[in-house]
PDB file of N, CA and C in Angstrom:
ATOM      1  N   MET A   1     -26.116 -17.276  22.609  1.00  0.00           N
ATOM      2  CA  MET A   1     -25.450 -16.020  21.808  1.00  0.00           C
ATOM      3  C   MET A   1     -23.873 -16.580  21.605  1.00  0.00           C
ATOM      4  N   SER A   2     -24.054 -16.853  20.098  1.00  0.00           N
ATOM      5  CA  SER A   2     -22.510 -17.058  19.323  1.00  0.00           C
ATOM      6  C   SER A   2     -21.311 -16.573  19.581  1.00  0.00           C
ATOM      7  N   LYS A   3     -20.817 -17.379  19.463  1.00  0.00           N
ATOM      8  CA  LYS A   3     -18.393 -17.242  19.700  1.00  0.00           C
ATOM      9  C   LYS A   3     -18.733 -15.684  18.631  1.00  0.00           C
ATOM     10  N   LYS A   4     -17.854 -15.082  19.342  1.00  0.00           N
ATOM     11  CA  LYS A   4     -17.364 -14.013  18.398  1.00  0.00           C
ATOM     12  C   LYS A   4     -15.806 -14.147  19.152  1.00  0.00           C
ATOM     13  N   THR A   5     -14.568 -13.768  18.201  1.00  0.00           N
ATOM     14  CA  THR A   5     -13.599 -13.484  18.299  1.00  0.00           C
ATOM     15  C   THR A   5     -12.928 -12.650  17.186  1.00  0.00           C
ATOM     16  N   TYR A   6     -11.825 -11.332  18.201  1.00  0.00           N
ATOM     17  CA  TYR A   6     -11.496 -10.141  17.772  1.00  0.00           C
ATOM     18  C   TYR A   6     -10.110 -10.296  17.944  1.00  0.00           C
ATOM     19  N   GLN A   7      -9.016  -9.971  16.678  1.00  0.00           N
ATOM     20  CA  GLN A   7      -7.645 -10.295  17.062  1.00  0.00           C
ATOM     21  C   GLN A   7      -7.185  -9.186  16.602  1.00  0.00           C
ATOM     22  N   ARG A   8      -6.185  -8.946  17.127  1.00  0.00           N
ATOM     23  CA  ARG A   8      -5.460  -7.911  16.600  1.00  0.00           C
ATOM     24  C   ARG A   8      -4.150  -8.093  16.954  1.00  0.00           C
ATOM     25  N   GLN A   9      -2.611  -7.179  16.401  1.00  0.00           N
ATOM     26  CA  GLN A   9      -1.150  -7.192  16.959  1.00  0.00           C
ATOM     27  C   GLN A   9      -1.121  -6.408  18.007  1.00  0.00           C
ATOM     28  N   PHE A  10      -0.770  -6.249  18.955  1.00  0.00           N
ATOM     29  CA  PHE A  10      -0.685  -5.266  19.618  1.00  0.00           C
ATOM     30  C   PHE A  10       1.050  -5.532  20.145  1.00  0.00           C
ATOM     31  N   GLY A  11       1.860  -4.688  20.227  1.00  0.00           N
ATOM     32  CA  GLY A  11       3.296  -4.306  20.690  1.00  0.00           C
ATOM     33  C   GLY A  11       3.964  -5.482  20.348  1.00  0.00           C
ATOM     34  N   GLY A  12       3.803  -6.192  19.213  1.00  0.00           N
ATOM     35  CA  GLY A  12       4.486  -7.950  19.058  1.00  0.00           C
ATOM     36  C   GLY A  12       3.742  -8.852  19.406  1.00  0.00           C
ATOM     37  N   ARG A  13       2.740  -9.160  20.386  1.00  0.00           N
ATOM     38  CA  ARG A  13       1.879  -9.725  20.286  1.00  0.00           C
ATOM     39  C   ARG A  13       0.430 -10.036  20.378  1.00  0.00           C
ATOM     40  N   THR A  14      -0.002 -11.133  19.957  1.00  0.00           N
ATOM     41  CA  THR A  14      -1.525 -10.904  19.627  1.00  0.00           C
ATOM     42  C   THR A  14      -2.140 -10.792  20.935  1.00  0.00           C
ATOM     43  N   LEU A  15      -3.390  -9.946  20.701  1.00  0.00           N
ATOM     44  CA  LEU A  15      -4.361  -9.426  21.807  1.00  0.00           C
ATOM     45  C   LEU A  15      -5.710 -10.201  21.264  1.00  0.00           C
ATOM     46  N   ARG A  16      -6.334 -10.851  21.491  1.00  0.00           N
ATOM     47  CA  ARG A  16      -7.412 -11.893  21.089  1.00  0.00           C
ATOM     48  C   ARG A  16      -8.894 -11.566  22.254  1.00  0.00           C
ATOM     49  N   VAL A  17      -9.770 -11.210  21.925  1.00  0.00           N
ATOM     50  CA  VAL A  17     -11.528 -11.109  23.320  1.00  0.00           C
ATOM     51  C   VAL A  17     -11.848 -12.080  22.509  1.00  0.00           C
ATOM     52  N   GLU A  18     -12.490 -12.833  23.001  1.00  0.00           N
ATOM     53  CA  GLU A  18     -13.014 -14.055  22.928  1.00  0.00           C
ATOM     54  C   GLU A  18     -14.940 -13.643  23.721  1.00  0.00           C
ATOM     55  N   ILE A  19     -16.025 -13.722  23.477  1.00  0.00           N
ATOM     56  CA  ILE A  19     -16.966 -13.409  23.945  1.00  0.00           C
ATOM     57  C   ILE A  19     -18.073 -14.383  23.327  1.00  0.00           C
ATOM     58  N   GLY A  20     -19.043 -15.025  24.038  1.00  0.00           N
ATOM     59  CA  GLY A  20     -20.361 -15.919  23.685  1.00  0.00           C
ATOM     60  C   GLY A  20     -20.111 -17.501  24.118  1.00  0.00           C
ATOM     61  N   GLU A  21     -18.680 -17.822  24.789  1.00  0.00           N
ATOM     62  CA  GLU A  21     -18.496 -19.032  24.854  1.00  0.00           C
ATOM     63  C   GLU A  21     -18.656 -19.334  26.050  1.00  0.00           C
ATOM     64  N   MET A  22     -17.705 -18.574  26.855  1.00  0.00           N
ATOM     65  CA  MET A  22     -17.568 -18.987  28.114  1.00  0.00           C
ATOM     66  C   MET A  22     -18.676 -18.365  29.466  1.00  0.00           C
ATOM     67  N   ALA A  23     -19.313 -18.891  31.195  1.00  0.00           N
ATOM     68  CA  ALA A  23     -19.922 -17.913  31.775  1.00  0.00           C
ATOM     69  C   ALA A  23     -21.137 -17.990  31.441  1.00  0.00           C
ATOM     70  N   LYS A  24     -21.865 -19.472  30.557  1.00  0.00           N
ATOM     71  CA  LYS A  24     -23.018 -18.478  29.937  1.00  0.00           C
ATOM     72  C   LYS A  24     -24.133 -18.490  30.802  1.00  0.00           C
ATOM     73  N   GLN A  25     -23.948 -18.521  31.941  1.00  0.00           N
ATOM     74  CA  GLN A  25     -25.266 -17.798  32.773  1.00  0.00           C
ATOM     75  C   GLN A  25     -25.522 -16.624  33.543  1.00  0.00           C
ATOM     76  N   ALA A  26     -24.095 -15.880  33.382  1.00  0.00           N
ATOM     77  CA  ALA A  26     -23.847 -14.150  33.374  1.00  0.00           C
ATOM     78  C   ALA A  26     -24.373 -13.580  32.148  1.00  0.00           C
ATOM     79  N   ARG A  27     -24.528 -12.156  32.503  1.00  0.00           N
ATOM     80  CA  ARG A  27     -25.139 -11.508  31.306  1.00  0.00           C
ATOM     81  C   ARG A  27     -24.303 -11.196  30.382  1.00  0.00           C
ATOM     82  N   GLY A  28     -22.583 -11.333  30.732  1.00  0.00           N
ATOM     83  CA  GLY A  28     -21.881 -11.128  29.651  1.00  0.00           C
ATOM     84  C   GLY A  28     -20.502 -11.529  30.007  1.00  0.00           C
ATOM     85  N   ALA A  29     -19.954 -11.960  29.465  1.00  0.00           N
ATOM     86  CA  ALA A  29     -18.260 -12.305  29.768  1.00  0.00           C
ATOM     87  C   ALA A  29     -17.178 -12.507  28.726  1.00  0.00           C
ATOM     88  N   ALA A  30     -16.176 -12.070  28.825  1.00  0.00           N
ATOM     89  CA  ALA A  30     -15.053 -11.958  27.858  1.00  0.00           C
ATOM     90  C   ALA A  30     -13.874 -12.392  28.515  1.00  0.00           C
ATOM     91  N   LEU A  31     -13.491 -13.297  27.198  1.00  0.00           N
ATOM     92  CA  LEU A  31     -11.851 -13.962  27.730  1.00  0.00           C
ATOM     93  C   LEU A  31     -11.010 -13.232  26.756  1.00  0.00           C
ATOM     94  N   ILE A  32     -10.075 -12.644  27.755  1.00  0.00           N
ATOM     95  CA  ILE A  32      -8.593 -11.377  27.238  1.00  0.00           C
ATOM     96  C   ILE A  32      -7.776 -12.029  26.996  1.00  0.00           C
ATOM     97  N   SER A  33      -7.323 -12.216  25.970  1.00  0.00           N
ATOM     98  CA  SER A  33      -5.532 -13.080  26.014  1.00  0.00           C
ATOM     99  C   SER A  33      -4.522 -12.142  25.099  1.00  0.00           C
ATOM    100  N   TYR A  34      -3.501 -11.744  26.133  1.00  0.00           N
ATOM    101  CA  TYR A  34      -2.577 -11.292  25.286  1.00  0.00           C
ATOM    102  C   TYR A  34      -1.108 -11.687  25.616  1.00  0.00           C
ATOM    103  N   GLY A  35      -0.802 -12.439  24.434  1.00  0.00           N
ATOM    104  CA  GLY A  35       0.991 -13.321  24.730  1.00  0.00           C
ATOM    105  C   GLY A  35       0.515 -14.418  25.827  1.00  0.00           C
ATOM    106  N   ASP A  36       1.170 -14.606  26.935  1.00  0.00           N
ATOM    107  CA  ASP A  36       0.759 -16.072  27.515  1.00  0.00           C
ATOM    108  C   ASP A  36      -0.133 -15.347  28.859  1.00  0.00           C
ATOM    109  N   SER A  37      -0.881 -14.611  28.676  1.00  0.00           N
ATOM    110  CA  SER A  37      -1.376 -14.151  30.030  1.00  0.00           C
ATOM    111  C   SER A  37      -2.991 -13.919  29.753  1.00  0.00           C
ATOM    112  N   GLN A  38      -4.212 -14.463  30.255  1.00  0.00           N
ATOM    113  CA  GLN A  38      -5.346 -14.641  30.210  1.00  0.00           C
ATOM    114  C   GLN A  38      -5.901 -13.687  31.107  1.00  0.00           C
ATOM    115  N   VAL A  39      -7.381 -13.296  30.913  1.00  0.00           N
ATOM    116  CA  VAL A  39      -8.312 -12.688  31.609  1.00  0.00           C
ATOM    117  C   VAL A  39      -9.584 -12.745  31.432  1.00  0.00           C
ATOM    118  N   LEU A  40     -10.380 -13.449  32.669  1.00  0.00           N
ATOM    119  CA  LEU A  40     -11.646 -13.773  32.168  1.00  0.00           C
ATOM    120  C   LEU A  40     -12.615 -12.692  33.040  1.00  0.00           C
ATOM    121  N   SER A  41     -13.384 -11.783  32.376  1.00  0.00           N
ATOM    122  CA  SER A  41     -13.784 -10.899  33.239  1.00  0.00           C
ATOM    123  C   SER A  41     -15.798 -11.052  32.808  1.00  0.00           C
ATOM    124  N   VAL A  42     -16.054 -11.303  33.833  1.00  0.00           N
ATOM    125  CA  VAL A  42     -17.711 -11.625  33.735  1.00  0.00           C
ATOM    126  C   VAL A  42     -18.588 -10.738  34.449  1.00  0.00           C
ATOM    127  N   ALA A  43     -19.464 -10.183  34.234  1.00  0.00           N
ATOM    128  CA  ALA A  43     -20.885  -9.306  34.346  1.00  0.00           C
ATOM    129  C   ALA A  43     -22.123 -10.091  34.879  1.00  0.00           C
ATOM    130  N   THR A  44     -22.469  -9.590  35.839  1.00  0.00           N
ATOM    131  CA  THR A  44     -24.003 -10.162  35.680  1.00  0.00           C
ATOM    132  C   THR A  44     -24.792  -9.129  36.500  1.00  0.00           C
ATOM    133  N   ALA A  45     -26.248  -8.994  36.595  1.00  0.00           N
ATOM    134  CA  ALA A  45     -26.928  -7.930  36.680  1.00  0.00           C
ATOM    135  C   ALA A  45     -28.575  -8.913  36.906  1.00  0.00           C
ATOM    136  N   LYS A  46     -29.371  -8.123  37.905  1.00  0.00           N
ATOM    137  CA  LYS A  46     -30.770  -8.363  38.122  1.00  0.00           C
ATOM    138  C   LYS A  46     -31.061  -7.420  38.087  1.00  0.00           C
ATOM    139  N   THR A  47     -32.832  -7.596  37.867  1.00  0.00           N
ATOM    140  CA  THR A  47     -33.472  -6.343  37.381  1.00  0.00           C
ATOM    141  C   THR A  47     -33.234  -4.702  38.524  1.00  0.00           C
ATOM    142  N   GLU A  48     -33.295  -3.926  37.634  1.00  0.00           N
ATOM    143  CA  GLU A  48     -33.071  -2.203  37.594  1.00  0.00           C
ATOM    144  C   GLU A  48     -34.103  -2.199  39.156  1.00  0.00           C
ATOM    145  N   SER A  49     -33.667  -1.197  40.077  1.00  0.00           N
ATOM    146  CA  SER A  49     -33.936  -0.887  40.886  1.00  0.00           C
ATOM    147  C   SER A  49     -34.299   0.364  40.868  1.00  0.00           C
ATOM    148  N   ALA A  50     -36.051   0.706  40.583  1.00  0.00           N
ATOM    149  CA  ALA A  50     -36.111   1.817  40.211  1.00  0.00           C
ATOM    150  C   ALA A  50     -35.840   3.258  41.449  1.00  0.00           C
ATOM    151  N   ASN A  51     -35.816   2.803  42.610  1.00  0.00           N
ATOM    152  CA  ASN A  51     -34.907   3.706  43.536  1.00  0.00           C
ATOM    153  C   ASN A  51     -33.719   4.338  43.786  1.00  0.00           C
ATOM    154  N   ALA A  52     -33.064   3.913  43.330  1.00  0.00           N
ATOM    155  CA  ALA A  52     -31.450   3.352  43.452  1.00  0.00           C
ATOM    156  C   ALA A  52     -30.731   4.987  42.965  1.00  0.00           C
ATOM    157  N   GLY A  53     -30.192   5.481  43.810  1.00  0.00           N
ATOM    158  CA  GLY A  53     -29.788   6.761  43.420  1.00  0.00           C
ATOM    159  C   GLY A  53     -28.351   6.661  42.938  1.00  0.00           C
ATOM    160  N   PHE A  54     -27.388   5.609  43.150  1.00  0.00           N
ATOM    161  CA  PHE A  54     -26.206   5.122  43.364  1.00  0.00           C
ATOM    162  C   PHE A  54     -26.459   3.897  42.193  1.00  0.00           C
ATOM    163  N   PHE A  55     -25.023   3.236  41.515  1.00  0.00           N
ATOM    164  CA  PHE A  55     -24.610   2.477  40.971  1.00  0.00           C
ATOM    165  C   PHE A  55     -24.220   1.346  41.932  1.00  0.00           C
ATOM    166  N   PRO A  56     -24.287   0.542  42.477  1.00  0.00           N
ATOM    167  CA  PRO A  56     -23.838  -0.186  43.412  1.00  0.00           C
ATOM    168  C   PRO A  56     -23.018  -1.373  42.624  1.00  0.00           C
ATOM    169  N   LEU A  57     -22.327  -1.241  42.897  1.00  0.00           N
ATOM    170  CA  LEU A  57     -20.874  -1.933  42.312  1.00  0.00           C
ATOM    171  C   LEU A  57     -19.434  -3.114  43.476  1.00  0.00           C
ATOM    172  N   MET A  58     -19.385  -4.388  43.239  1.00  0.00           N
ATOM    173  CA  MET A  58     -18.558  -5.072  44.348  1.00  0.00           C
ATOM    174  C   MET A  58     -17.870  -5.848  43.215  1.00  0.00           C
ATOM    175  N   VAL A  59     -16.554  -5.583  43.638  1.00  0.00           N
ATOM    176  CA  VAL A  59     -15.121  -6.504  43.272  1.00  0.00           C
ATOM    177  C   VAL A  59     -14.820  -7.421  43.946  1.00  0.00           C
ATOM    178  N   ILE A  60     -14.529  -8.262  43.620  1.00  0.00           N
ATOM    179  CA  ILE A  60     -13.911  -9.827  44.610  1.00  0.00           C
ATOM    180  C   ILE A  60     -12.976 -10.033  43.374  1.00  0.00           C
ATOM    181  N   TYR A  61     -11.460  -9.706  44.387  1.00  0.00           N
ATOM    182  CA  TYR A  61     -10.244 -10.012  44.125  1.00  0.00           C
ATOM    183  C   TYR A  61      -9.758 -11.214  44.812  1.00  0.00           C
ATOM    184  N   GLN A  62      -8.976 -11.914  44.165  1.00  0.00           N
ATOM    185  CA  GLN A  62      -8.148 -13.267  45.023  1.00  0.00           C
ATOM    186  C   GLN A  62      -7.116 -13.725  44.234  1.00  0.00           C
ATOM    187  N   GLU A  63      -6.058 -13.287  45.241  1.00  0.00           N
ATOM    188  CA  GLU A  63      -4.730 -13.624  45.082  1.00  0.00           C
ATOM    189  C   GLU A  63      -3.935 -15.058  45.214  1.00  0.00           C
ATOM    190  N   LYS A  64      -3.980 -16.194  45.025  1.00  0.00           N
ATOM    191  CA  LYS A  64      -3.626 -16.910  45.141  1.00  0.00           C
ATOM    192  C   LYS A  64      -2.018 -17.570  45.103  1.00  0.00           C
ATOM    193  N   LEU A  65      -1.286 -18.060  46.353  1.00  0.00           N
ATOM    194  CA  LEU A  65      -0.221 -17.995  46.869  1.00  0.00           C
ATOM    195  C   LEU A  65       0.649 -18.283  45.653  1.00  0.00           C
ATOM    196  N   TYR A  66       0.158 -19.572  44.967  1.00  0.00           N
ATOM    197  CA  TYR A  66       0.666 -20.492  43.993  1.00  0.00           C
ATOM    198  C   TYR A  66       0.690 -19.709  42.299  1.00  0.00           C
ATOM    199  N   ALA A  67       0.032 -18.697  42.682  1.00  0.00           N
ATOM    200  CA  ALA A  67       0.339 -18.098  41.245  1.00  0.00           C
ATOM    201  C   ALA A  67       1.327 -17.367  41.262  1.00  0.00           C
ATOM    202  N   ALA A  68       2.044 -16.892  42.398  1.00  0.00           N
ATOM    203  CA  ALA A  68       2.808 -15.931  42.613  1.00  0.00           C
ATOM    204  C   ALA A  68       4.450 -17.073  42.630  1.00  0.00           C
ATOM    205  N   GLY A  69       3.919 -18.307  42.928  1.00  0.00           N
ATOM    206  CA  GLY A  69       5.174 -19.326  42.880  1.00  0.00           C
ATOM    207  C   GLY A  69       5.438 -19.674  44.282  1.00  0.00           C
ATOM    208  N   LYS A  70       4.648 -19.115  45.382  1.00  0.00           N
ATOM    209  CA  LYS A  70       4.394 -19.540  46.387  1.00  0.00           C
ATOM    210  C   LYS A  70       3.649 -20.189  46.990  1.00  0.00           C
ATOM    211  N   ILE A  71       3.902 -22.111  46.992  1.00  0.00           N
ATOM    212  CA  ILE A  71       3.199 -22.974  47.599  1.00  0.00           C
ATOM    213  C   ILE A  71       3.512 -23.215  48.681  1.00  0.00           C
ATOM    214  N   PRO A  72       2.389 -23.191  49.702  1.00  0.00           N
ATOM    215  CA  PRO A  72       2.464 -23.288  51.622  1.00  0.00           C
ATOM    216  C   PRO A  72       2.866 -24.741  51.574  1.00  0.00           C
ATOM    217  N   GLY A  73       4.553 -25.078  52.591  1.00  0.00           N
ATOM    218  CA  GLY A  73       4.638 -26.110  53.123  1.00  0.00           C
ATOM    219  C   GLY A  73       5.548 -26.551  51.278  1.00  0.00           C
ATOM    220  N   GLY A  74       5.950 -25.719  50.774  1.00  0.00           N
ATOM    221  CA  GLY A  74       6.953 -26.653  49.594  1.00  0.00           C
ATOM    222  C   GLY A  74       8.447 -25.637  49.887  1.00  0.00           C
TER     223      GLY A  74
END
């Protein structure tokens, strides 16, 4: 998949969405940038189960202490 970039001014800052460059082993990935903040969103999937009556969804959220400026032992 080739890299695609979309940009738009929003609230006085640049909102940028980049797809097709990162996480190439995933089914889909997007790097969203707004000002100095960035979020990498990745989706993976396997073959569809015919008897599933629901959509299983799992979210893994990890907050690192150093992201909040708290460094252990410092």
